[in-house]
């Protein structure tokens, strides 16, 4: 299993875990930077109809022997979404780390 960690500026949106979170009968609004990045990394190209080229499909790519294309695709997609990416890499524990933040 791959864990994704990132440091971004504060962006607010509906909060998802496995589904939309609801508290006191209303949708939960929370920081969404990491959530957006996770969705981009997990989505396949074509899943976002408005932006058909966005999506890494990381779960399929993790079966590859060479991780360089994964890192390149992740960086390219995050930059397309407006993240100023300084570095994308896997830690020794298998976590995908993203060093970057959204451009103001």
N, C-alpha and C. Protein backbone atom coordinates (compact mmCIF):
# COMPACT_ATOMS: atom_id res chain seq x y z
N UNK A 1 0.84 -1.17 0.00
CA UNK A 1 0.00 0.00 0.00
C UNK A 1 0.89 1.24 0.00
N UNK A 2 0.57 2.22 -0.77
CA UNK A 2 1.34 3.45 -0.85
C UNK A 2 0.62 4.54 -0.09
N UNK A 3 1.38 5.25 0.70
CA UNK A 3 0.84 6.39 1.43
C UNK A 3 1.38 7.64 0.78
N UNK A 4 0.56 8.66 0.69
CA UNK A 4 0.93 9.89 0.02
C UNK A 4 0.95 11.01 1.05
N UNK A 5 2.06 11.71 1.12
CA UNK A 5 2.19 12.86 2.02
C UNK A 5 2.58 14.06 1.19
N UNK A 6 2.03 15.21 1.50
CA UNK A 6 2.36 16.41 0.76
C UNK A 6 2.18 17.62 1.66
N UNK A 7 2.87 18.68 1.30
CA UNK A 7 2.75 19.95 2.01
C UNK A 7 2.29 21.00 1.03
N UNK A 8 1.09 21.53 1.22
CA UNK A 8 0.52 22.49 0.31
C UNK A 8 -0.10 23.64 1.09
N UNK A 9 -0.47 24.71 0.40
CA UNK A 9 -1.17 25.81 1.04
C UNK A 9 -2.59 25.37 1.37
N UNK A 10 -3.27 26.12 2.20
CA UNK A 10 -4.61 25.75 2.64
C UNK A 10 -5.64 25.96 1.54
N UNK A 11 -6.30 24.90 1.16
CA UNK A 11 -7.41 24.94 0.22
C UNK A 11 -8.57 24.23 0.90
N UNK A 12 -9.77 24.74 0.76
CA UNK A 12 -10.94 24.16 1.42
C UNK A 12 -11.86 23.54 0.38
N UNK A 13 -12.44 22.39 0.74
CA UNK A 13 -13.37 21.70 -0.14
C UNK A 13 -14.14 20.69 0.71
N UNK A 14 -15.09 20.00 0.08
CA UNK A 14 -15.82 18.95 0.75
C UNK A 14 -14.82 17.88 1.17
N UNK A 15 -14.99 17.32 2.36
CA UNK A 15 -14.06 16.33 2.87
C UNK A 15 -14.55 14.92 2.53
N UNK A 16 -13.65 14.10 1.99
CA UNK A 16 -13.92 12.71 1.67
C UNK A 16 -13.04 11.83 2.54
N UNK A 17 -13.56 10.74 2.97
CA UNK A 17 -12.74 9.63 3.46
C UNK A 17 -12.97 8.56 2.40
N UNK A 18 -13.81 7.62 2.65
CA UNK A 18 -14.24 6.71 1.59
C UNK A 18 -15.49 7.26 0.91
N UNK A 19 -16.13 8.20 1.55
CA UNK A 19 -17.35 8.81 1.04
C UNK A 19 -17.37 10.25 1.56
N UNK A 20 -18.34 11.03 1.14
CA UNK A 20 -18.48 12.39 1.67
C UNK A 20 -18.71 12.32 3.17
N UNK A 21 -18.06 13.19 3.92
CA UNK A 21 -18.29 13.24 5.36
C UNK A 21 -19.43 14.20 5.67
N UNK A 22 -20.31 13.77 6.55
CA UNK A 22 -21.44 14.58 6.96
C UNK A 22 -21.43 14.65 8.49
N UNK A 23 -21.59 15.88 9.01
CA UNK A 23 -21.63 16.08 10.45
C UNK A 23 -22.76 17.05 10.75
N UNK A 24 -23.58 16.72 11.72
CA UNK A 24 -24.73 17.55 12.10
C UNK A 24 -25.62 17.87 10.90
N UNK A 25 -25.77 16.91 9.99
CA UNK A 25 -26.66 17.08 8.86
C UNK A 25 -26.13 17.93 7.73
N UNK A 26 -24.82 18.25 7.74
CA UNK A 26 -24.25 19.08 6.70
C UNK A 26 -22.91 18.49 6.25
N UNK A 27 -22.50 18.83 5.03
CA UNK A 27 -21.21 18.36 4.53
C UNK A 27 -20.08 18.98 5.34
N UNK A 28 -19.02 18.22 5.56
CA UNK A 28 -17.84 18.70 6.27
C UNK A 28 -16.92 19.39 5.27
N UNK A 29 -16.53 20.62 5.59
CA UNK A 29 -15.58 21.37 4.77
C UNK A 29 -14.26 21.39 5.55
N UNK A 30 -13.16 21.06 4.87
CA UNK A 30 -11.88 20.95 5.55
C UNK A 30 -10.77 21.23 4.54
N UNK A 31 -9.52 21.27 5.01
CA UNK A 31 -8.39 21.43 4.11
C UNK A 31 -8.42 20.29 3.11
N UNK A 32 -8.18 20.61 1.84
CA UNK A 32 -8.34 19.60 0.80
C UNK A 32 -7.12 19.43 -0.10
N UNK A 33 -6.03 20.09 0.21
CA UNK A 33 -4.86 20.00 -0.66
C UNK A 33 -4.40 18.55 -0.86
N UNK A 34 -4.18 17.84 0.24
CA UNK A 34 -3.72 16.46 0.14
C UNK A 34 -4.76 15.59 -0.55
N UNK A 35 -6.02 15.85 -0.27
CA UNK A 35 -7.11 15.09 -0.88
C UNK A 35 -7.11 15.24 -2.40
N UNK A 36 -6.92 16.47 -2.89
CA UNK A 36 -6.90 16.71 -4.33
C UNK A 36 -5.72 15.98 -4.97
N UNK A 37 -4.56 16.04 -4.32
CA UNK A 37 -3.38 15.39 -4.87
C UNK A 37 -3.57 13.87 -4.92
N UNK A 38 -4.15 13.32 -3.87
CA UNK A 38 -4.39 11.88 -3.82
C UNK A 38 -5.33 11.46 -4.96
N UNK A 39 -6.39 12.25 -5.19
CA UNK A 39 -7.33 11.92 -6.26
C UNK A 39 -6.66 11.97 -7.62
N UNK A 40 -5.80 12.94 -7.86
CA UNK A 40 -5.08 13.03 -9.13
C UNK A 40 -4.15 11.84 -9.31
N UNK A 41 -3.44 11.47 -8.25
CA UNK A 41 -2.50 10.35 -8.34
C UNK A 41 -3.22 9.01 -8.53
N UNK A 42 -4.39 8.88 -7.96
CA UNK A 42 -5.12 7.62 -8.06
C UNK A 42 -5.96 7.51 -9.33
N UNK A 43 -6.41 8.65 -9.88
CA UNK A 43 -7.29 8.65 -11.05
C UNK A 43 -6.54 8.19 -12.30
N UNK A 44 -7.29 7.62 -13.23
CA UNK A 44 -6.74 7.27 -14.54
C UNK A 44 -7.07 8.37 -15.53
N UNK A 45 -6.24 8.49 -16.54
CA UNK A 45 -6.51 9.48 -17.59
C UNK A 45 -7.92 9.23 -18.14
N UNK A 46 -8.68 10.30 -18.29
CA UNK A 46 -10.03 10.21 -18.82
C UNK A 46 -11.12 10.16 -17.76
N UNK A 47 -10.75 9.95 -16.50
CA UNK A 47 -11.77 9.92 -15.44
C UNK A 47 -12.36 11.29 -15.18
N UNK A 48 -11.56 12.34 -15.35
CA UNK A 48 -12.06 13.71 -15.20
C UNK A 48 -12.39 14.21 -16.60
N UNK A 49 -13.67 14.21 -16.94
CA UNK A 49 -14.10 14.52 -18.30
C UNK A 49 -13.68 15.92 -18.75
N UNK A 50 -13.65 16.87 -17.82
CA UNK A 50 -13.27 18.23 -18.18
C UNK A 50 -11.76 18.33 -18.47
N UNK A 51 -10.98 17.46 -17.83
CA UNK A 51 -9.52 17.45 -18.01
C UNK A 51 -9.09 16.01 -18.31
N UNK A 52 -9.30 15.52 -19.51
CA UNK A 52 -9.06 14.10 -19.81
C UNK A 52 -7.60 13.66 -19.71
N UNK A 53 -6.67 14.58 -19.74
CA UNK A 53 -5.25 14.21 -19.65
C UNK A 53 -4.74 14.13 -18.21
N UNK A 54 -5.57 14.52 -17.24
CA UNK A 54 -5.13 14.49 -15.84
C UNK A 54 -5.36 13.09 -15.28
N UNK A 55 -4.45 12.63 -14.48
CA UNK A 55 -4.57 11.32 -13.84
C UNK A 55 -3.30 10.51 -14.03
N UNK A 56 -2.84 9.90 -12.93
CA UNK A 56 -1.61 9.12 -12.96
C UNK A 56 -1.90 7.62 -13.01
N UNK A 57 -2.96 7.16 -12.35
CA UNK A 57 -3.23 5.73 -12.28
C UNK A 57 -2.13 5.01 -11.53
N UNK A 58 -1.76 5.57 -10.39
CA UNK A 58 -0.57 5.10 -9.68
C UNK A 58 -0.67 3.65 -9.23
N UNK A 59 -1.85 3.16 -8.91
CA UNK A 59 -1.95 1.77 -8.46
C UNK A 59 -1.55 0.79 -9.56
N UNK A 60 -1.83 1.13 -10.80
CA UNK A 60 -1.43 0.28 -11.92
C UNK A 60 0.08 0.41 -12.18
N UNK A 61 0.60 1.61 -12.01
CA UNK A 61 2.01 1.85 -12.30
C UNK A 61 2.94 1.26 -11.25
N UNK A 62 2.45 1.03 -10.05
CA UNK A 62 3.32 0.52 -8.98
C UNK A 62 3.80 -0.90 -9.22
N UNK A 63 3.20 -1.61 -10.16
CA UNK A 63 3.65 -2.96 -10.50
C UNK A 63 4.85 -2.95 -11.43
N UNK A 64 5.26 -1.78 -11.88
CA UNK A 64 6.39 -1.65 -12.79
C UNK A 64 7.71 -1.75 -12.03
N UNK A 65 8.75 -2.23 -12.71
CA UNK A 65 10.08 -2.33 -12.10
C UNK A 65 10.77 -0.97 -12.01
N UNK A 66 10.56 -0.12 -13.00
CA UNK A 66 11.19 1.20 -13.04
C UNK A 66 10.21 2.25 -12.52
N UNK A 67 10.56 2.91 -11.41
CA UNK A 67 9.66 3.89 -10.82
C UNK A 67 9.82 5.29 -11.41
N UNK A 68 10.84 5.51 -12.21
CA UNK A 68 11.08 6.84 -12.77
C UNK A 68 9.88 7.36 -13.55
N UNK A 69 9.24 6.57 -14.43
CA UNK A 69 8.06 7.09 -15.14
C UNK A 69 6.91 7.47 -14.20
N UNK A 70 6.78 6.77 -13.08
CA UNK A 70 5.74 7.10 -12.10
C UNK A 70 5.99 8.49 -11.53
N UNK A 71 7.23 8.74 -11.15
CA UNK A 71 7.59 10.02 -10.55
C UNK A 71 7.44 11.16 -11.55
N UNK A 72 7.82 10.92 -12.79
CA UNK A 72 7.68 11.94 -13.84
C UNK A 72 6.20 12.25 -14.08
N UNK A 73 5.39 11.21 -14.20
CA UNK A 73 3.96 11.40 -14.45
C UNK A 73 3.28 12.11 -13.28
N UNK A 74 3.66 11.74 -12.04
CA UNK A 74 3.09 12.38 -10.85
C UNK A 74 3.45 13.86 -10.84
N UNK A 75 4.71 14.18 -11.07
CA UNK A 75 5.14 15.58 -11.05
C UNK A 75 4.43 16.37 -12.15
N UNK A 76 4.34 15.82 -13.34
CA UNK A 76 3.69 16.50 -14.46
C UNK A 76 2.22 16.79 -14.16
N UNK A 77 1.52 15.82 -13.62
CA UNK A 77 0.09 15.99 -13.31
C UNK A 77 -0.13 16.99 -12.19
N UNK A 78 0.70 16.96 -11.16
CA UNK A 78 0.55 17.90 -10.06
C UNK A 78 0.86 19.33 -10.52
N UNK A 79 1.87 19.48 -11.36
CA UNK A 79 2.18 20.80 -11.91
C UNK A 79 1.02 21.31 -12.75
N UNK A 80 0.41 20.44 -13.53
CA UNK A 80 -0.75 20.83 -14.33
C UNK A 80 -1.89 21.33 -13.46
N UNK A 81 -2.00 20.77 -12.24
CA UNK A 81 -3.05 21.18 -11.30
C UNK A 81 -2.68 22.46 -10.54
N UNK A 82 -1.48 22.99 -10.77
CA UNK A 82 -1.09 24.25 -10.15
C UNK A 82 -0.17 24.12 -8.96
N UNK A 83 0.42 22.96 -8.77
CA UNK A 83 1.35 22.76 -7.66
C UNK A 83 2.76 23.10 -8.13
N UNK A 84 3.46 23.90 -7.35
CA UNK A 84 4.87 24.19 -7.60
C UNK A 84 5.66 23.04 -6.97
N UNK A 85 5.94 21.99 -7.75
CA UNK A 85 6.57 20.78 -7.24
C UNK A 85 8.08 20.93 -7.26
N UNK A 86 8.68 20.77 -6.09
CA UNK A 86 10.14 20.81 -5.99
C UNK A 86 10.72 19.41 -6.15
N UNK A 87 10.03 18.40 -5.59
CA UNK A 87 10.52 17.03 -5.67
C UNK A 87 9.38 16.05 -5.42
N UNK A 88 9.44 14.90 -6.08
CA UNK A 88 8.52 13.79 -5.85
C UNK A 88 9.40 12.55 -5.74
N UNK A 89 9.24 11.79 -4.66
CA UNK A 89 10.09 10.61 -4.47
C UNK A 89 9.42 9.60 -3.54
N UNK A 90 9.92 8.37 -3.58
CA UNK A 90 9.48 7.32 -2.67
C UNK A 90 10.47 7.22 -1.52
N UNK A 91 9.95 7.12 -0.30
CA UNK A 91 10.81 6.92 0.87
C UNK A 91 11.18 5.45 0.95
N UNK A 92 12.10 5.13 1.85
CA UNK A 92 12.49 3.74 2.07
C UNK A 92 11.32 2.90 2.57
N UNK A 93 10.33 3.55 3.19
CA UNK A 93 9.14 2.84 3.70
C UNK A 93 8.08 2.67 2.62
N UNK A 94 8.32 3.16 1.40
CA UNK A 94 7.37 3.01 0.31
C UNK A 94 6.33 4.10 0.24
N UNK A 95 6.53 5.19 0.96
CA UNK A 95 5.59 6.32 0.90
C UNK A 95 6.00 7.25 -0.24
N UNK A 96 5.00 7.72 -0.97
CA UNK A 96 5.24 8.71 -2.01
C UNK A 96 5.24 10.08 -1.35
N UNK A 97 6.33 10.82 -1.45
CA UNK A 97 6.44 12.13 -0.85
C UNK A 97 6.41 13.19 -1.96
N UNK A 98 5.63 14.23 -1.73
CA UNK A 98 5.56 15.35 -2.66
C UNK A 98 6.01 16.58 -1.91
N UNK A 99 7.08 17.22 -2.38
CA UNK A 99 7.55 18.47 -1.80
C UNK A 99 7.13 19.58 -2.74
N UNK A 100 6.10 20.32 -2.35
CA UNK A 100 5.60 21.40 -3.19
C UNK A 100 4.36 22.00 -2.58
N UNK A 101 3.93 23.09 -3.15
CA UNK A 101 2.69 23.73 -2.68
C UNK A 101 2.02 24.41 -3.86
N UNK A 102 0.72 24.66 -3.68
CA UNK A 102 -0.02 25.34 -4.72
C UNK A 102 0.50 26.76 -4.89
N UNK A 103 0.53 27.19 -6.13
CA UNK A 103 0.92 28.56 -6.42
C UNK A 103 -0.19 29.48 -5.95
N UNK A 104 0.16 30.57 -5.36
CA UNK A 104 -0.85 31.51 -4.83
C UNK A 104 -1.57 32.23 -5.94
